[in-house]
Protein backbone atom coordinates (compact mmCIF):
# COMPACT_ATOMS: atom_id res chain seq x y z
CA MET A 1 75.94 55.16 12.92
CA ARG A 2 74.15 58.50 13.25
CA ASN A 3 71.12 60.14 14.88
CA ARG A 4 72.27 60.22 18.47
CA LEU A 5 69.19 60.50 20.67
CA PRO A 6 69.03 62.38 23.97
CA ARG A 7 69.01 60.50 27.21
CA ILE A 8 65.66 60.08 28.92
CA GLN A 9 65.36 62.39 31.88
CA GLY A 10 62.72 62.89 34.54
CA ASP A 11 61.13 61.14 37.46
CA PRO A 12 60.71 57.35 37.60
CA PRO A 13 57.49 55.90 36.13
CA ASN A 14 54.48 55.90 38.40
CA PRO A 15 54.25 52.95 38.59
CA VAL A 16 54.88 51.83 34.99
CA SER A 17 55.10 53.75 31.71
CA PHE A 18 55.50 52.81 28.06
CA ARG A 19 57.03 54.02 24.82
CA THR A 20 56.64 52.57 21.33
CA GLU A 21 58.87 54.22 18.75
CA ASN A 22 60.13 53.81 15.20
CA TYR A 23 63.90 54.27 14.85
CA GLU A 24 65.90 54.75 11.67
CA GLY A 25 68.84 52.49 10.94
CA GLY A 26 72.00 54.08 12.26
CA THR A 27 70.38 55.49 15.39
CA ILE A 28 72.41 55.44 18.62
CA ILE A 29 71.02 55.81 22.12
CA PRO A 30 74.02 56.85 24.26
CA LYS A 31 74.93 54.89 27.35
CA LYS A 32 72.97 55.71 30.46
CA SER A 33 71.71 54.20 33.69
CA GLN A 34 68.36 54.94 35.28
CA PRO A 35 66.78 54.36 38.70
CA TRP A 36 64.05 52.10 37.32
CA GLY A 37 63.85 48.77 35.51
CA GLU A 38 63.36 48.50 31.75
CA LEU A 39 61.91 45.88 29.46
CA ASN A 40 63.08 46.44 25.89
CA TYR A 41 61.26 44.62 23.09
CA ALA A 42 61.74 44.76 19.30
CA ILE A 43 58.40 44.53 17.50
CA THR A 44 60.19 44.37 14.15
CA GLY A 45 63.92 44.44 13.50
CA VAL A 46 66.83 43.71 15.80
CA ALA A 47 68.43 46.07 18.34
CA GLU A 48 72.01 45.69 19.61
CA PHE A 49 72.65 46.53 23.25
CA ASP A 50 75.93 47.29 24.94
CA ILE A 51 75.17 46.45 28.57
CA GLU A 52 78.08 47.01 30.92
CA GLY A 53 80.48 46.01 28.13
CA VAL A 54 78.57 42.90 27.00
CA ARG A 55 76.77 42.71 23.62
CA TYR A 56 73.14 41.60 23.63
CA LEU A 57 70.82 41.12 20.67
CA SER A 58 67.12 41.89 20.95
CA PRO A 59 65.07 40.38 18.08
CA PRO A 60 61.27 39.91 18.16
CA HIS A 61 60.00 37.27 20.61
CA TYR A 62 62.91 38.03 22.99
CA ALA A 63 63.07 41.06 25.26
CA ILE A 64 65.99 42.48 27.21
CA TRP A 65 65.34 43.10 30.91
CA LEU A 66 67.50 45.72 32.64
CA PRO A 67 67.37 46.01 36.43
CA PRO A 68 67.55 49.53 37.93
CA GLU A 69 70.93 51.33 37.65
CA THR A 70 72.16 49.18 34.73
CA MET A 71 74.50 51.06 32.40
CA HIS A 72 73.48 50.45 28.80
CA GLY A 73 73.53 51.88 25.29
CA VAL A 74 71.64 50.81 22.17
CA GLY A 75 72.47 50.79 18.47
CA MET A 76 70.16 50.14 15.53
CA GLN A 77 71.91 48.93 12.39
CA HIS A 78 68.57 48.80 10.57
CA ASP A 79 65.12 50.36 10.84
CA LEU A 80 63.36 49.22 13.98
CA ARG A 81 60.02 49.46 15.75
CA TYR A 82 60.60 49.17 19.46
CA ALA A 83 58.63 49.07 22.71
CA THR A 84 60.09 49.99 26.09
CA VAL A 85 58.47 49.44 29.47
CA TYR A 86 59.76 51.48 32.41
CA VAL A 87 59.08 49.80 35.76
CA GLU A 88 59.29 51.65 39.07
CA ARG A 89 62.00 50.32 41.37
CA ALA A 90 59.48 49.19 44.01
CA LEU A 91 57.92 46.78 41.49
CA CYS A 92 61.31 45.31 40.49
CA ALA A 93 61.88 43.40 43.74
CA ASP A 94 60.49 40.14 42.31
CA LEU A 95 61.84 40.68 38.79
CA PRO A 96 65.21 39.40 37.53
CA ALA A 97 68.10 40.87 39.53
CA GLN A 98 70.48 40.48 36.56
CA THR A 99 70.31 41.61 32.96
CA SER A 100 68.41 38.85 31.16
CA THR A 101 67.08 37.87 27.76
CA LEU A 102 63.42 36.94 28.24
CA SER A 103 61.20 34.82 26.01
CA ILE A 104 58.04 36.90 26.07
CA SER A 105 54.55 35.47 26.04
CA PRO A 106 51.73 36.22 23.58
CA LEU A 107 49.85 37.79 26.51
CA LEU A 108 52.66 40.25 27.25
CA LYS A 109 52.88 41.15 23.55
CA ALA A 110 49.12 41.66 23.40
CA ILE A 111 49.15 44.05 26.37
CA LEU A 112 51.95 46.11 24.81
CA ALA A 113 50.14 46.15 21.46
CA ASP A 114 46.92 47.27 23.16
CA PHE A 115 48.64 50.13 24.99
CA ALA A 116 50.39 51.21 21.78
CA ALA A 117 47.14 51.12 19.77
CA ARG A 118 45.42 53.30 22.39
CA ASP A 119 48.48 55.52 22.83
CA VAL A 120 48.66 54.69 26.54
CA THR A 121 52.02 55.83 27.89
CA MET A 122 51.11 56.20 31.59
CA PRO A 123 48.21 53.93 32.62
CA GLU A 124 45.70 55.67 34.85
CA THR A 125 42.37 53.84 34.73
CA ALA A 126 41.63 50.93 37.05
CA GLU A 127 41.38 48.61 34.03
CA ASP A 128 44.76 49.65 32.65
CA LEU A 129 46.42 49.40 36.05
CA ARG A 130 45.20 45.82 36.30
CA LEU A 131 46.77 45.12 32.90
CA VAL A 132 50.00 46.61 34.24
CA GLN A 133 50.00 44.13 37.10
CA VAL A 134 49.48 41.26 34.66
CA LEU A 135 52.35 42.59 32.53
CA VAL A 136 54.69 42.76 35.54
CA ASP A 137 53.70 39.19 36.44
CA GLN A 138 54.49 38.11 32.86
CA ILE A 139 57.96 39.64 33.11
CA ARG A 140 58.51 37.76 36.37
CA LEU A 141 57.35 34.44 34.90
CA ALA A 142 59.11 34.72 31.52
CA PRO A 143 61.74 32.06 30.75
CA ARG A 144 65.14 33.74 30.86
CA CYS A 145 68.72 33.28 29.78
CA GLU A 146 71.81 35.44 30.08
CA SER A 147 72.03 36.26 26.38
CA TYR A 148 70.31 35.60 23.06
CA LEU A 149 73.18 33.36 21.93
CA PRO A 150 74.65 31.79 25.08
CA LEU A 151 77.93 29.86 24.96
CA SER A 152 79.39 26.98 26.97
CA ASP A 153 82.83 25.87 28.11
CA ASP A 154 81.62 22.29 28.58
CA ALA A 155 84.25 19.81 27.35
CA LEU A 156 81.78 18.11 24.98
CA LEU A 157 79.47 20.95 23.99
CA GLY A 158 82.01 23.78 23.82
CA PRO A 159 83.95 22.44 20.78
CA VAL A 160 80.69 21.81 18.90
CA LEU A 161 79.48 25.39 19.43
CA ALA A 162 82.88 26.78 18.47
CA ALA A 163 82.90 24.78 15.23
CA LEU A 164 79.40 25.99 14.36
CA GLN A 165 80.35 29.59 15.05
CA ALA A 166 83.25 29.16 12.64
CA ASP A 167 80.88 27.70 10.01
CA PRO A 168 77.21 28.64 10.66
CA GLY A 169 76.26 26.84 7.45
CA ASP A 170 77.37 23.44 8.76
CA ARG A 171 74.55 20.93 8.25
CA HIS A 172 75.68 18.04 10.49
CA SER A 173 72.93 16.76 12.77
CA LEU A 174 73.16 16.58 16.55
CA SER A 175 73.73 12.82 16.35
CA GLU A 176 76.61 13.35 13.91
CA TRP A 177 78.18 15.94 16.19
CA ALA A 178 77.78 13.57 19.13
CA ARG A 179 79.73 10.87 17.27
CA ARG A 180 82.44 13.39 16.42
CA VAL A 181 83.03 14.31 20.07
CA GLY A 182 82.67 10.75 21.35
CA THR A 183 79.35 10.88 23.15
CA THR A 184 75.67 10.12 22.59
CA GLU A 185 73.02 12.34 21.06
CA ARG A 186 71.04 12.18 24.29
CA THR A 187 74.03 13.34 26.36
CA LEU A 188 74.80 16.24 24.01
CA SER A 189 71.14 17.25 23.89
CA ARG A 190 71.02 17.30 27.70
CA ARG A 191 74.18 19.44 27.85
CA CYS A 192 72.49 21.94 25.51
CA GLN A 193 69.47 22.26 27.76
CA ASP A 194 71.51 22.37 30.96
CA ASP A 195 74.20 24.82 29.79
CA LEU A 196 72.35 26.93 27.22
CA GLY A 197 68.71 26.64 28.26
CA LEU A 198 67.97 25.91 24.58
CA SER A 199 67.66 22.94 22.29
CA PHE A 200 70.49 22.34 19.84
CA ASN A 201 68.31 23.29 16.87
CA GLU A 202 67.07 26.51 18.49
CA TRP A 203 70.63 27.58 19.32
CA ARG A 204 71.73 26.87 15.76
CA GLN A 205 68.87 28.91 14.32
CA ARG A 206 69.83 31.85 16.53
CA LEU A 207 73.42 31.51 15.32
CA LYS A 208 72.23 31.59 11.71
CA LEU A 209 70.22 34.74 12.42
CA VAL A 210 73.23 36.49 13.97
CA ALA A 211 75.37 35.47 10.97
CA ALA A 212 72.64 36.55 8.54
CA LEU A 213 72.45 40.03 10.06
CA SER A 214 76.17 40.56 9.45
CA LEU A 215 75.89 39.31 5.85
CA ILE A 216 72.87 41.52 5.17
CA GLU A 217 74.75 44.51 6.53
CA ALA A 218 77.67 43.63 4.21
CA GLY A 219 75.31 43.73 1.21
CA GLU A 220 75.32 40.01 0.35
CA PRO A 221 72.40 38.86 -1.88
CA VAL A 222 69.71 36.87 -0.08
CA GLN A 223 70.28 33.77 -2.24
CA ARG A 224 73.98 33.75 -1.39
CA ILE A 225 73.28 34.24 2.32
CA ALA A 226 70.87 31.30 2.26
CA SER A 227 73.48 29.11 0.60
CA ARG A 228 76.25 30.15 3.00
CA LEU A 229 74.02 29.34 5.97
CA GLY A 230 73.25 25.84 4.74
CA TYR A 231 69.75 26.35 3.32
CA SER A 232 68.83 24.47 0.15
CA ASN A 233 66.79 27.44 -1.10
CA ALA A 234 66.20 31.08 -0.27
CA SER A 235 62.54 30.51 0.68
CA ALA A 236 63.47 28.35 3.69
CA PHE A 237 65.99 30.96 4.84
CA ILE A 238 63.49 33.81 4.43
CA ALA A 239 60.86 31.87 6.41
CA MET A 240 63.33 31.36 9.29
CA PHE A 241 64.39 35.00 9.19
CA ARG A 242 60.81 36.29 9.20
CA ARG A 243 59.84 33.98 12.08
CA LEU A 244 62.70 35.25 14.26
CA THR A 245 62.65 38.95 13.34
CA GLY A 246 59.10 39.71 12.16
CA THR A 247 60.40 41.00 8.80
CA SER A 248 62.14 39.75 5.66
CA PRO A 249 65.85 40.05 4.86
CA THR A 250 65.03 42.44 1.99
CA GLN A 251 62.91 44.70 4.20
CA MET A 252 65.60 44.77 6.87
CA ARG A 253 68.23 45.64 4.30
């Protein structure tokens, strides 16, 4: 990687501030911690966070929330358009106390897009400050999980997830996996929701995206990636990739 960016310095936001930036692939933001909370959201592309030694992925539709004083660094393997919200410590009391991956709402996206379109970095008008309060409420209400691709040590679910990680292109259905591990589809589905906070199919699509990013970085052709990930044709793979990242595999490459 290249293009090491300087750490952000200065006083905490008052009460909330925003940045929307384009980053070149290969950019590194060195590790830092700051006395305010941060919401980090990829508009297009995927960012990779190192947060206190744990790897997090931030694709579109999912934001990374960092409580105040969280040590973190960011790497961009590919070109990226990214929005960051800096939230004053006093407003973080009702927000997640732990680093979390948040499923962000269309309303939160719309507010960020509106601020970016008007080049609002520090809201000052009464109307914009009301939007800020709505945005903070949306962060508080957003469904959350510990990571984009959570894992489980459950005796039934764990072996299934491990097998899929070893072969992301596996096409066995949830019912087939349930028979393999000696349980019912309903039981395995419930374990997914309870342990992962996701459906089986959603988790598997996230796994395919993570695998696809590595294959794209390695220079594999799109058709071959689609085949390796269990898609019958490249169009279905591209549609999944665009839905989860906001861009195509070719554009990301």
